[in-house]
């Protein structure tokens, strides 16, 4: 987070929660577009807008974002004339900073400071949908959310233990070729 950047109390509470429980997957739901974005949301070059800024786990983030987008009936619709149609050629996903760069996003924080991989789901083109639209939005996103949650079973998982079988807290796990380590939980 940028020096001088004010963090809201509820955001601080979520940050504390994320550091206390070893979450591995999350999603942030927004409105105003129909696309799934993934980190980094903040460009490596702050003066550059719409600059692709991949994490070392780019392939995993693309797979996570695609899992959501492919299961969403509208995001997976190939019509460019619909809401979110400008992302059709990208498969309904985009690197956050390539779309627009901003600082202070939870997806970047989660990746850099916890073991949690987060995507941002823009659930519809209306920033503030009407109450009668919420039921449809829920149904459009339900199966995509379930498909995304099932992705928690992808990747490496297990127990790191000592020679006596006792779990090792805060053990660093490295994957060759990916310059981003994770640590074990309690």
N, C-alpha and C. Protein backbone atom coordinates (compact mmCIF):
# COMPACT_ATOMS: atom_id res chain seq x y z
N UNK A 1 0.83 -1.18 0.00
CA UNK A 1 0.00 0.00 0.00
C UNK A 1 0.87 1.24 0.00
N UNK A 2 0.41 2.27 -0.64
CA UNK A 2 1.16 3.49 -0.82
C UNK A 2 1.24 4.28 0.49
N UNK A 3 2.44 4.83 0.83
CA UNK A 3 2.55 5.67 2.03
C UNK A 3 1.54 6.81 1.96
N UNK A 4 0.91 7.08 3.07
CA UNK A 4 -0.10 8.14 3.13
C UNK A 4 -1.48 7.68 2.70
N UNK A 5 -1.57 6.49 2.18
CA UNK A 5 -2.84 5.93 1.72
C UNK A 5 -3.67 5.55 2.94
N UNK A 6 -4.87 6.08 3.06
CA UNK A 6 -5.74 5.79 4.19
C UNK A 6 -6.46 4.46 3.94
N UNK A 7 -6.37 3.57 4.92
CA UNK A 7 -7.04 2.28 4.82
C UNK A 7 -8.27 2.31 5.72
N UNK A 8 -9.42 1.98 5.15
CA UNK A 8 -10.69 2.00 5.89
C UNK A 8 -10.64 0.94 6.99
N UNK A 9 -11.34 1.18 8.11
CA UNK A 9 -11.34 0.21 9.22
C UNK A 9 -11.79 -1.19 8.80
N UNK A 10 -12.79 -1.29 7.93
CA UNK A 10 -13.25 -2.62 7.50
C UNK A 10 -12.19 -3.32 6.65
N UNK A 11 -11.42 -2.54 5.88
CA UNK A 11 -10.34 -3.12 5.09
C UNK A 11 -9.23 -3.62 6.01
N UNK A 12 -8.91 -2.83 7.02
CA UNK A 12 -7.90 -3.26 8.00
C UNK A 12 -8.34 -4.56 8.68
N UNK A 13 -9.63 -4.67 8.99
CA UNK A 13 -10.15 -5.88 9.64
C UNK A 13 -10.00 -7.09 8.71
N UNK A 14 -10.29 -6.93 7.43
CA UNK A 14 -10.14 -8.02 6.47
C UNK A 14 -8.67 -8.40 6.33
N UNK A 15 -7.79 -7.40 6.29
CA UNK A 15 -6.35 -7.67 6.19
C UNK A 15 -5.87 -8.48 7.40
N UNK A 16 -6.33 -8.12 8.58
CA UNK A 16 -5.96 -8.85 9.80
C UNK A 16 -6.49 -10.28 9.73
N UNK A 17 -7.71 -10.43 9.29
CA UNK A 17 -8.35 -11.74 9.16
C UNK A 17 -7.57 -12.63 8.19
N UNK A 18 -7.18 -12.05 7.04
CA UNK A 18 -6.43 -12.80 6.03
C UNK A 18 -5.08 -13.26 6.56
N UNK A 19 -4.49 -12.47 7.43
CA UNK A 19 -3.19 -12.85 7.99
C UNK A 19 -3.33 -13.89 9.11
N UNK A 20 -4.52 -13.99 9.70
CA UNK A 20 -4.69 -14.92 10.82
C UNK A 20 -5.17 -16.31 10.38
N UNK A 21 -5.82 -16.39 9.24
CA UNK A 21 -6.33 -17.66 8.71
C UNK A 21 -5.70 -17.88 7.35
N UNK A 22 -5.14 -19.05 7.09
CA UNK A 22 -4.43 -19.25 5.82
C UNK A 22 -5.35 -19.48 4.62
N UNK A 23 -6.11 -18.45 4.25
CA UNK A 23 -6.94 -18.53 3.06
C UNK A 23 -6.04 -18.75 1.84
N UNK A 24 -6.55 -19.44 0.83
CA UNK A 24 -5.78 -19.63 -0.39
C UNK A 24 -6.50 -19.10 -1.63
N UNK A 25 -7.80 -18.80 -1.52
CA UNK A 25 -8.57 -18.37 -2.68
C UNK A 25 -9.66 -17.40 -2.23
N UNK A 26 -9.83 -16.33 -2.98
CA UNK A 26 -10.91 -15.39 -2.69
C UNK A 26 -11.30 -14.68 -3.99
N UNK A 27 -12.44 -14.01 -3.92
CA UNK A 27 -12.91 -13.22 -5.05
C UNK A 27 -13.57 -11.96 -4.50
N UNK A 28 -13.36 -10.88 -5.19
CA UNK A 28 -13.99 -9.62 -4.84
C UNK A 28 -15.04 -9.33 -5.91
N UNK A 29 -16.25 -9.04 -5.49
CA UNK A 29 -17.34 -8.80 -6.43
C UNK A 29 -17.59 -7.30 -6.56
N UNK A 30 -17.57 -6.81 -7.80
CA UNK A 30 -17.77 -5.39 -8.10
C UNK A 30 -18.85 -5.28 -9.16
N UNK A 31 -19.28 -4.08 -9.40
CA UNK A 31 -20.21 -3.80 -10.47
C UNK A 31 -19.66 -2.71 -11.37
N UNK A 32 -20.16 -2.63 -12.59
CA UNK A 32 -19.76 -1.58 -13.51
C UNK A 32 -19.22 -2.10 -14.83
N UNK A 33 -19.00 -3.39 -14.92
CA UNK A 33 -18.50 -4.03 -16.14
C UNK A 33 -18.80 -5.52 -16.02
N UNK A 34 -18.47 -6.29 -17.02
CA UNK A 34 -18.67 -7.74 -16.97
C UNK A 34 -17.38 -8.39 -17.46
N UNK A 35 -16.49 -8.68 -16.50
CA UNK A 35 -15.17 -9.23 -16.80
C UNK A 35 -14.57 -9.75 -15.49
N UNK A 36 -13.60 -10.64 -15.59
CA UNK A 36 -12.86 -11.12 -14.43
C UNK A 36 -11.43 -10.62 -14.57
N UNK A 37 -10.95 -9.89 -13.57
CA UNK A 37 -9.58 -9.38 -13.60
C UNK A 37 -8.74 -10.11 -12.57
N UNK A 38 -7.44 -10.09 -12.79
CA UNK A 38 -6.51 -10.77 -11.88
C UNK A 38 -5.26 -9.90 -11.71
N UNK A 39 -4.51 -10.12 -10.63
CA UNK A 39 -3.33 -9.29 -10.33
C UNK A 39 -2.22 -9.41 -11.37
N UNK A 40 -1.45 -8.39 -11.38
CA UNK A 40 -1.45 -7.21 -10.54
C UNK A 40 -2.45 -6.18 -11.07
N UNK A 41 -3.06 -5.46 -10.12
CA UNK A 41 -3.95 -4.36 -10.49
C UNK A 41 -3.19 -3.05 -10.59
N UNK A 42 -2.04 -2.98 -9.95
CA UNK A 42 -1.22 -1.77 -9.96
C UNK A 42 -0.04 -1.99 -10.90
N UNK A 43 0.10 -1.13 -11.87
CA UNK A 43 1.16 -1.24 -12.85
C UNK A 43 2.52 -1.10 -12.19
N UNK A 44 3.48 -1.87 -12.68
CA UNK A 44 4.86 -1.75 -12.19
C UNK A 44 5.41 -0.36 -12.45
N UNK A 45 4.88 0.28 -13.45
CA UNK A 45 5.29 1.63 -13.81
C UNK A 45 4.09 2.56 -13.60
N UNK A 46 4.03 3.21 -12.43
CA UNK A 46 2.85 4.00 -12.06
C UNK A 46 2.41 5.03 -13.09
N UNK A 47 3.32 5.48 -13.94
CA UNK A 47 2.95 6.49 -14.93
C UNK A 47 2.32 5.84 -16.18
N UNK A 48 2.36 4.53 -16.26
CA UNK A 48 1.83 3.82 -17.42
C UNK A 48 0.42 3.32 -17.14
N UNK A 49 -0.51 3.69 -17.96
CA UNK A 49 -1.87 3.17 -17.89
C UNK A 49 -2.01 2.02 -18.87
N UNK A 50 -2.85 1.07 -18.53
CA UNK A 50 -3.13 -0.07 -19.39
C UNK A 50 -1.86 -0.85 -19.73
N UNK A 51 -1.04 -1.07 -18.70
CA UNK A 51 0.21 -1.81 -18.89
C UNK A 51 0.11 -3.18 -18.24
N UNK A 52 0.28 -4.22 -19.03
CA UNK A 52 0.26 -5.60 -18.55
C UNK A 52 1.28 -5.75 -17.42
N UNK A 53 0.81 -6.20 -16.25
CA UNK A 53 1.67 -6.35 -15.08
C UNK A 53 1.41 -7.71 -14.44
N UNK A 54 2.05 -8.75 -14.98
CA UNK A 54 1.79 -10.09 -14.47
C UNK A 54 2.50 -10.38 -13.15
N UNK A 55 1.92 -11.27 -12.37
CA UNK A 55 2.58 -11.79 -11.18
C UNK A 55 3.44 -12.98 -11.62
N UNK A 56 4.30 -13.47 -10.74
CA UNK A 56 5.03 -14.70 -11.06
C UNK A 56 4.08 -15.90 -11.27
N UNK A 57 2.86 -15.81 -10.75
CA UNK A 57 1.87 -16.87 -10.89
C UNK A 57 0.84 -16.55 -11.98
N UNK A 58 1.27 -15.88 -13.03
CA UNK A 58 0.39 -15.47 -14.13
C UNK A 58 -0.46 -16.63 -14.66
N UNK A 59 0.15 -17.77 -14.90
CA UNK A 59 -0.59 -18.91 -15.47
C UNK A 59 -1.71 -19.36 -14.53
N UNK A 60 -1.42 -19.40 -13.25
CA UNK A 60 -2.44 -19.81 -12.27
C UNK A 60 -3.57 -18.79 -12.22
N UNK A 61 -3.24 -17.51 -12.20
CA UNK A 61 -4.28 -16.49 -12.16
C UNK A 61 -5.15 -16.52 -13.41
N UNK A 62 -4.56 -16.73 -14.56
CA UNK A 62 -5.36 -16.84 -15.79
C UNK A 62 -6.29 -18.04 -15.70
N UNK A 63 -5.80 -19.16 -15.18
CA UNK A 63 -6.62 -20.35 -15.04
C UNK A 63 -7.78 -20.09 -14.07
N UNK A 64 -7.52 -19.41 -12.97
CA UNK A 64 -8.57 -19.09 -12.00
C UNK A 64 -9.62 -18.17 -12.63
N UNK A 65 -9.16 -17.13 -13.31
CA UNK A 65 -10.09 -16.18 -13.93
C UNK A 65 -10.92 -16.88 -15.02
N UNK A 66 -10.29 -17.74 -15.81
CA UNK A 66 -11.01 -18.47 -16.85
C UNK A 66 -12.03 -19.43 -16.26
N UNK A 67 -11.71 -20.04 -15.12
CA UNK A 67 -12.66 -20.95 -14.48
C UNK A 67 -13.96 -20.22 -14.17
N UNK A 68 -13.85 -18.98 -13.73
CA UNK A 68 -15.05 -18.18 -13.44
C UNK A 68 -15.72 -17.77 -14.75
N UNK A 69 -14.95 -17.16 -15.63
CA UNK A 69 -15.51 -16.61 -16.87
C UNK A 69 -16.19 -17.68 -17.73
N UNK A 70 -15.57 -18.84 -17.85
CA UNK A 70 -16.12 -19.90 -18.70
C UNK A 70 -17.42 -20.48 -18.16
N UNK A 71 -17.64 -20.37 -16.85
CA UNK A 71 -18.86 -20.91 -16.25
C UNK A 71 -19.97 -19.87 -16.14
N UNK A 72 -19.67 -18.63 -16.53
CA UNK A 72 -20.66 -17.54 -16.46
C UNK A 72 -21.38 -17.45 -17.80
N UNK A 73 -22.71 -17.55 -17.83
CA UNK A 73 -23.43 -17.61 -19.11
C UNK A 73 -23.29 -16.36 -19.98
N UNK A 74 -23.09 -15.21 -19.39
CA UNK A 74 -22.97 -14.00 -20.21
C UNK A 74 -21.51 -13.72 -20.56
N UNK A 75 -20.60 -13.87 -19.59
CA UNK A 75 -19.18 -13.64 -19.88
C UNK A 75 -18.70 -14.60 -20.96
N UNK A 76 -19.20 -15.83 -20.95
CA UNK A 76 -18.77 -16.81 -21.95
C UNK A 76 -19.49 -16.65 -23.29
N UNK A 77 -20.50 -15.78 -23.37
CA UNK A 77 -21.21 -15.49 -24.62
C UNK A 77 -20.24 -14.75 -25.55
N UNK A 78 -20.12 -15.18 -26.78
CA UNK A 78 -19.14 -14.63 -27.72
C UNK A 78 -19.60 -13.36 -28.42
N UNK A 79 -20.77 -12.83 -28.07
CA UNK A 79 -21.27 -11.62 -28.72
C UNK A 79 -20.51 -10.40 -28.21
N UNK A 80 -19.98 -9.62 -29.13
CA UNK A 80 -19.27 -8.40 -28.75
C UNK A 80 -20.23 -7.23 -28.53
N UNK A 81 -21.51 -7.43 -28.84
CA UNK A 81 -22.48 -6.36 -28.70
C UNK A 81 -23.11 -6.31 -27.31
N UNK A 82 -22.82 -7.26 -26.48
CA UNK A 82 -23.42 -7.34 -25.15
C UNK A 82 -22.59 -6.56 -24.13
N UNK A 83 -23.14 -6.45 -22.93
CA UNK A 83 -22.41 -5.90 -21.80
C UNK A 83 -21.12 -6.70 -21.64
N UNK A 84 -19.98 -6.03 -21.53
CA UNK A 84 -18.70 -6.70 -21.39
C UNK A 84 -18.15 -7.26 -22.68
N UNK A 85 -18.82 -6.95 -23.81
CA UNK A 85 -18.41 -7.50 -25.10
C UNK A 85 -17.02 -7.10 -25.55
N UNK A 86 -16.50 -6.00 -25.01
CA UNK A 86 -15.15 -5.57 -25.39
C UNK A 86 -14.07 -6.51 -24.83
N UNK A 87 -14.44 -7.47 -23.95
CA UNK A 87 -13.49 -8.44 -23.41
C UNK A 87 -13.64 -9.83 -24.03
N UNK A 88 -14.51 -9.96 -25.03
CA UNK A 88 -14.79 -11.26 -25.65
C UNK A 88 -13.52 -11.88 -26.24
N UNK A 89 -12.74 -11.08 -26.97
CA UNK A 89 -11.53 -11.60 -27.60
C UNK A 89 -10.49 -12.04 -26.58
N UNK A 90 -10.63 -11.61 -25.34
CA UNK A 90 -9.71 -11.99 -24.26
C UNK A 90 -10.28 -13.14 -23.43
N UNK A 91 -11.43 -13.66 -23.83
CA UNK A 91 -12.04 -14.75 -23.08
C UNK A 91 -12.75 -14.29 -21.81
N UNK A 92 -13.06 -12.99 -21.73
CA UNK A 92 -13.77 -12.46 -20.56
C UNK A 92 -12.89 -12.20 -19.36
N UNK A 93 -11.56 -12.23 -19.56
CA UNK A 93 -10.63 -11.97 -18.46
C UNK A 93 -9.58 -10.96 -18.91
N UNK A 94 -8.94 -10.31 -17.92
CA UNK A 94 -7.85 -9.38 -18.24
C UNK A 94 -7.01 -9.15 -16.99
N UNK A 95 -5.73 -8.94 -17.21
CA UNK A 95 -4.84 -8.51 -16.14
C UNK A 95 -5.33 -7.13 -15.68
N UNK A 96 -5.50 -6.97 -14.37
CA UNK A 96 -6.09 -5.74 -13.83
C UNK A 96 -5.41 -4.47 -14.30
N UNK A 97 -4.08 -4.41 -14.20
CA UNK A 97 -3.35 -3.20 -14.59
C UNK A 97 -3.43 -2.94 -16.09
N UNK A 98 -3.62 -4.00 -16.86
CA UNK A 98 -3.77 -3.82 -18.30
C UNK A 98 -5.10 -3.16 -18.64
N UNK A 99 -6.10 -3.40 -17.79
CA UNK A 99 -7.40 -2.74 -17.98
C UNK A 99 -7.30 -1.30 -17.48
N UNK A 100 -6.98 -1.15 -16.20
CA UNK A 100 -6.64 0.16 -15.65
C UNK A 100 -5.89 -0.06 -14.35
N UNK A 101 -4.87 0.72 -14.13
CA UNK A 101 -4.00 0.56 -12.97
C UNK A 101 -4.54 1.36 -11.79
N UNK A 102 -4.55 0.72 -10.62
CA UNK A 102 -4.90 1.44 -9.40
C UNK A 102 -4.16 0.83 -8.22
N UNK A 103 -3.90 1.65 -7.22
CA UNK A 103 -3.18 1.21 -6.04
C UNK A 103 -4.15 0.87 -4.92
N UNK A 104 -3.72 -0.01 -4.03
CA UNK A 104 -4.50 -0.30 -2.84
C UNK A 104 -5.52 -1.41 -3.00
N UNK A 105 -5.44 -2.20 -4.06
CA UNK A 105 -6.40 -3.27 -4.28
C UNK A 105 -6.13 -4.48 -3.39
N UNK A 106 -7.22 -5.14 -2.98
CA UNK A 106 -7.08 -6.31 -2.11
C UNK A 106 -6.43 -7.48 -2.84
N UNK A 107 -6.66 -7.64 -4.13
CA UNK A 107 -6.06 -8.77 -4.85
C UNK A 107 -4.54 -8.67 -4.80
N UNK A 108 -4.00 -7.49 -5.02
CA UNK A 108 -2.55 -7.30 -4.94
C UNK A 108 -2.06 -7.51 -3.51
N UNK A 109 -2.77 -6.96 -2.53
CA UNK A 109 -2.38 -7.16 -1.13
C UNK A 109 -2.36 -8.64 -0.78
N UNK A 110 -3.43 -9.35 -1.13
CA UNK A 110 -3.51 -10.77 -0.82
C UNK A 110 -2.33 -11.54 -1.40
N UNK A 111 -2.02 -11.26 -2.65
CA UNK A 111 -0.93 -11.97 -3.31
C UNK A 111 0.42 -11.65 -2.67
N UNK A 112 0.64 -10.41 -2.36
CA UNK A 112 1.94 -9.99 -1.85
C UNK A 112 2.15 -10.26 -0.36
N UNK A 113 1.06 -10.32 0.42
CA UNK A 113 1.21 -10.39 1.87
C UNK A 113 0.56 -11.60 2.53
N UNK A 114 -0.11 -12.45 1.74
CA UNK A 114 -0.74 -13.65 2.30
C UNK A 114 -0.56 -14.78 1.28
N UNK A 115 -1.14 -15.92 1.56
CA UNK A 115 -1.12 -17.04 0.62
C UNK A 115 -2.34 -17.04 -0.29
N UNK A 116 -3.15 -16.01 -0.23
CA UNK A 116 -4.45 -16.00 -0.89
C UNK A 116 -4.38 -15.42 -2.30
N UNK A 117 -4.89 -16.18 -3.26
CA UNK A 117 -4.99 -15.72 -4.64
C UNK A 117 -6.42 -15.20 -4.83
N UNK A 118 -6.52 -13.96 -5.26
CA UNK A 118 -7.83 -13.32 -5.44
C UNK A 118 -7.99 -12.77 -6.84
N UNK A 119 -9.17 -12.96 -7.40
CA UNK A 119 -9.56 -12.31 -8.64
C UNK A 119 -10.67 -11.32 -8.31
N UNK A 120 -10.87 -10.39 -9.20
CA UNK A 120 -11.97 -9.44 -9.07
C UNK A 120 -12.99 -9.75 -10.15
N UNK A 121 -14.22 -9.94 -9.73
CA UNK A 121 -15.30 -10.26 -10.66
C UNK A 121 -16.18 -9.02 -10.78
N UNK A 122 -16.21 -8.47 -11.97
CA UNK A 122 -17.13 -7.39 -12.28
C UNK A 122 -18.41 -8.08 -12.74
N UNK A 123 -19.46 -8.05 -11.90
CA UNK A 123 -20.63 -8.90 -12.10
C UNK A 123 -21.68 -8.35 -13.06
N UNK A 124 -21.53 -7.11 -13.50
CA UNK A 124 -22.50 -6.55 -14.43
C UNK A 124 -22.18 -5.11 -14.75
N UNK A 125 -22.71 -4.65 -15.86
CA UNK A 125 -22.38 -3.31 -16.34
C UNK A 125 -23.05 -2.19 -15.56
N UNK A 126 -24.05 -2.53 -14.77
CA UNK A 126 -24.68 -1.52 -13.92
C UNK A 126 -23.89 -1.42 -12.62
N UNK A 127 -23.38 -0.25 -12.32
CA UNK A 127 -22.62 -0.06 -11.08
C UNK A 127 -23.53 -0.25 -9.87
N UNK A 128 -24.75 0.23 -9.99
CA UNK A 128 -25.72 0.10 -8.90
C UNK A 128 -27.01 -0.50 -9.46
N UNK A 129 -27.05 -1.83 -9.59
CA UNK A 129 -28.24 -2.47 -10.19
C UNK A 129 -29.47 -2.27 -9.32
N UNK A 130 -30.61 -2.27 -9.97
CA UNK A 130 -31.88 -2.15 -9.26
C UNK A 130 -32.16 -3.43 -8.49
N UNK A 131 -32.95 -3.33 -7.45
CA UNK A 131 -33.27 -4.49 -6.62
C UNK A 131 -33.84 -5.65 -7.44
N UNK A 132 -34.69 -5.35 -8.40
CA UNK A 132 -35.31 -6.41 -9.19
C UNK A 132 -34.32 -7.09 -10.14
N UNK A 133 -33.13 -6.53 -10.34
CA UNK A 133 -32.10 -7.14 -11.18
C UNK A 133 -31.20 -8.11 -10.39
N UNK A 134 -31.22 -8.03 -9.07
CA UNK A 134 -30.31 -8.81 -8.24
C UNK A 134 -30.52 -10.32 -8.37
N UNK A 135 -31.77 -10.75 -8.50
CA UNK A 135 -32.05 -12.18 -8.64
C UNK A 135 -31.38 -12.74 -9.90
N UNK A 136 -31.51 -12.01 -11.02
CA UNK A 136 -30.89 -12.44 -12.28
C UNK A 136 -29.37 -12.43 -12.16
N UNK A 137 -28.81 -11.40 -11.55
CA UNK A 137 -27.35 -11.32 -11.37
C UNK A 137 -26.86 -12.49 -10.53
N UNK A 138 -27.60 -12.82 -9.46
CA UNK A 138 -27.22 -13.96 -8.64
C UNK A 138 -27.18 -15.25 -9.47
N UNK A 139 -28.24 -15.49 -10.26
CA UNK A 139 -28.30 -16.71 -11.05
C UNK A 139 -27.23 -16.75 -12.14
N UNK A 140 -26.88 -15.60 -12.70
CA UNK A 140 -25.81 -15.56 -13.70
C UNK A 140 -24.46 -15.91 -13.07
N UNK A 141 -24.28 -15.60 -11.80
CA UNK A 141 -22.99 -15.78 -11.13
C UNK A 141 -22.89 -17.02 -10.25
N UNK A 142 -24.01 -17.64 -9.91
CA UNK A 142 -23.99 -18.77 -8.97
C UNK A 142 -23.08 -19.91 -9.42
N UNK A 143 -23.29 -20.44 -10.60
CA UNK A 143 -22.48 -21.58 -11.07
C UNK A 143 -21.02 -21.18 -11.28
N UNK A 144 -20.80 -19.95 -11.71
CA UNK A 144 -19.42 -19.47 -11.89
C UNK A 144 -18.71 -19.38 -10.54
N UNK A 145 -19.42 -18.91 -9.51
CA UNK A 145 -18.84 -18.86 -8.16
C UNK A 145 -18.51 -20.26 -7.66
N UNK A 146 -19.42 -21.21 -7.87
CA UNK A 146 -19.18 -22.58 -7.43
C UNK A 146 -17.99 -23.19 -8.19
N UNK A 147 -17.93 -22.96 -9.48
CA UNK A 147 -16.81 -23.46 -10.28
C UNK A 147 -15.48 -22.86 -9.79
N UNK A 148 -15.51 -21.57 -9.50
CA UNK A 148 -14.31 -20.89 -8.99
C UNK A 148 -13.90 -21.47 -7.64
N UNK A 149 -14.86 -21.69 -6.75
CA UNK A 149 -14.53 -22.24 -5.43
C UNK A 149 -13.91 -23.62 -5.54
N UNK A 150 -14.32 -24.40 -6.52
CA UNK A 150 -13.74 -25.72 -6.70
C UNK A 150 -12.27 -25.66 -7.10
N UNK A 151 -11.82 -24.52 -7.58
CA UNK A 151 -10.42 -24.36 -7.96
C UNK A 151 -9.49 -24.41 -6.75
N UNK A 152 -10.05 -24.33 -5.55
CA UNK A 152 -9.23 -24.42 -4.34
C UNK A 152 -8.49 -25.75 -4.27
N UNK A 153 -8.98 -26.74 -5.01
CA UNK A 153 -8.36 -28.06 -5.00
C UNK A 153 -7.24 -28.20 -6.03
N UNK A 154 -6.96 -27.14 -6.78
CA UNK A 154 -5.88 -27.16 -7.78
C UNK A 154 -4.58 -26.73 -7.13
N UNK A 155 -3.49 -27.10 -7.71
CA UNK A 155 -2.18 -26.69 -7.22
C UNK A 155 -1.65 -27.64 -6.16
N UNK A 156 -0.72 -27.14 -5.39
CA UNK A 156 -0.06 -27.95 -4.38
C UNK A 156 -0.83 -27.85 -3.07
N UNK A 157 -1.02 -29.01 -2.42
CA UNK A 157 -1.64 -29.00 -1.10
C UNK A 157 -1.10 -30.18 -0.31
N UNK A 158 -1.13 -30.05 0.98
CA UNK A 158 -0.64 -31.12 1.83
C UNK A 158 -0.24 -30.59 3.19
N UNK A 159 0.49 -31.40 3.92
CA UNK A 159 0.93 -31.03 5.26
C UNK A 159 2.46 -31.09 5.30
N UNK A 160 3.06 -30.01 5.77
CA UNK A 160 4.50 -29.99 5.97
C UNK A 160 4.73 -30.35 7.43
N UNK A 161 5.48 -31.43 7.65
CA UNK A 161 5.68 -31.89 9.03
C UNK A 161 7.14 -32.23 9.28
N UNK A 162 7.48 -32.26 10.56
CA UNK A 162 8.82 -32.66 10.95
C UNK A 162 8.92 -34.18 10.95
N UNK A 163 10.07 -34.73 11.34
CA UNK A 163 10.28 -36.18 11.27
C UNK A 163 9.39 -36.96 12.23
N UNK A 164 8.74 -36.25 13.17
CA UNK A 164 7.83 -36.90 14.11
C UNK A 164 6.36 -36.77 13.68
N UNK A 165 6.13 -36.12 12.52
CA UNK A 165 4.77 -35.96 12.03
C UNK A 165 4.06 -34.72 12.54
N UNK A 166 4.78 -33.85 13.26
CA UNK A 166 4.19 -32.62 13.78
C UNK A 166 4.18 -31.55 12.68
N UNK A 167 3.05 -30.87 12.50
CA UNK A 167 2.99 -29.82 11.48
C UNK A 167 4.01 -28.71 11.77
N UNK A 168 4.59 -28.16 10.71
CA UNK A 168 5.56 -27.06 10.85
C UNK A 168 4.86 -25.77 10.46
N UNK A 169 4.74 -24.88 11.43
CA UNK A 169 4.11 -23.58 11.21
C UNK A 169 5.09 -22.64 10.50
N UNK A 170 4.58 -21.87 9.56
CA UNK A 170 5.35 -20.86 8.83
C UNK A 170 6.52 -21.42 8.04
N UNK A 171 6.41 -22.65 7.57
CA UNK A 171 7.43 -23.20 6.68
C UNK A 171 7.27 -22.56 5.31
N UNK A 172 8.38 -22.18 4.72
CA UNK A 172 8.33 -21.54 3.40
C UNK A 172 8.33 -22.62 2.32
N UNK A 173 7.41 -22.47 1.36
CA UNK A 173 7.29 -23.43 0.26
C UNK A 173 7.63 -22.69 -1.03
N UNK A 174 8.61 -23.22 -1.74
CA UNK A 174 9.05 -22.63 -3.00
C UNK A 174 8.76 -23.60 -4.14
N UNK A 175 8.40 -23.04 -5.27
CA UNK A 175 8.19 -23.83 -6.48
C UNK A 175 9.22 -23.35 -7.50
N UNK A 176 10.00 -24.28 -8.00
CA UNK A 176 11.03 -23.92 -8.98
C UNK A 176 10.40 -23.21 -10.18
N UNK A 177 10.98 -22.08 -10.55
CA UNK A 177 10.51 -21.34 -11.70
C UNK A 177 9.47 -20.28 -11.38
N UNK A 178 8.99 -20.25 -10.12
CA UNK A 178 8.02 -19.22 -9.71
C UNK A 178 8.63 -18.44 -8.55
N UNK A 179 8.89 -17.19 -8.76
CA UNK A 179 9.53 -16.36 -7.76
C UNK A 179 8.52 -15.76 -6.77
N UNK A 180 7.74 -16.68 -6.14
CA UNK A 180 6.76 -16.25 -5.15
C UNK A 180 6.51 -17.42 -4.22
N UNK A 181 7.01 -17.32 -2.99
CA UNK A 181 6.85 -18.38 -2.02
C UNK A 181 5.56 -18.20 -1.24
N UNK A 182 5.09 -19.30 -0.65
CA UNK A 182 3.97 -19.26 0.29
C UNK A 182 4.44 -19.92 1.58
N UNK A 183 3.70 -19.72 2.65
CA UNK A 183 4.06 -20.32 3.93
C UNK A 183 2.92 -21.16 4.46
N UNK A 184 3.29 -22.15 5.27
CA UNK A 184 2.26 -23.00 5.86
C UNK A 184 1.56 -22.27 6.97
N UNK A 185 0.33 -22.70 7.27
CA UNK A 185 -0.45 -22.10 8.34
C UNK A 185 -0.18 -22.79 9.67
N UNK A 186 -1.08 -22.59 10.59
CA UNK A 186 -0.94 -23.16 11.94
C UNK A 186 -1.07 -24.66 11.93
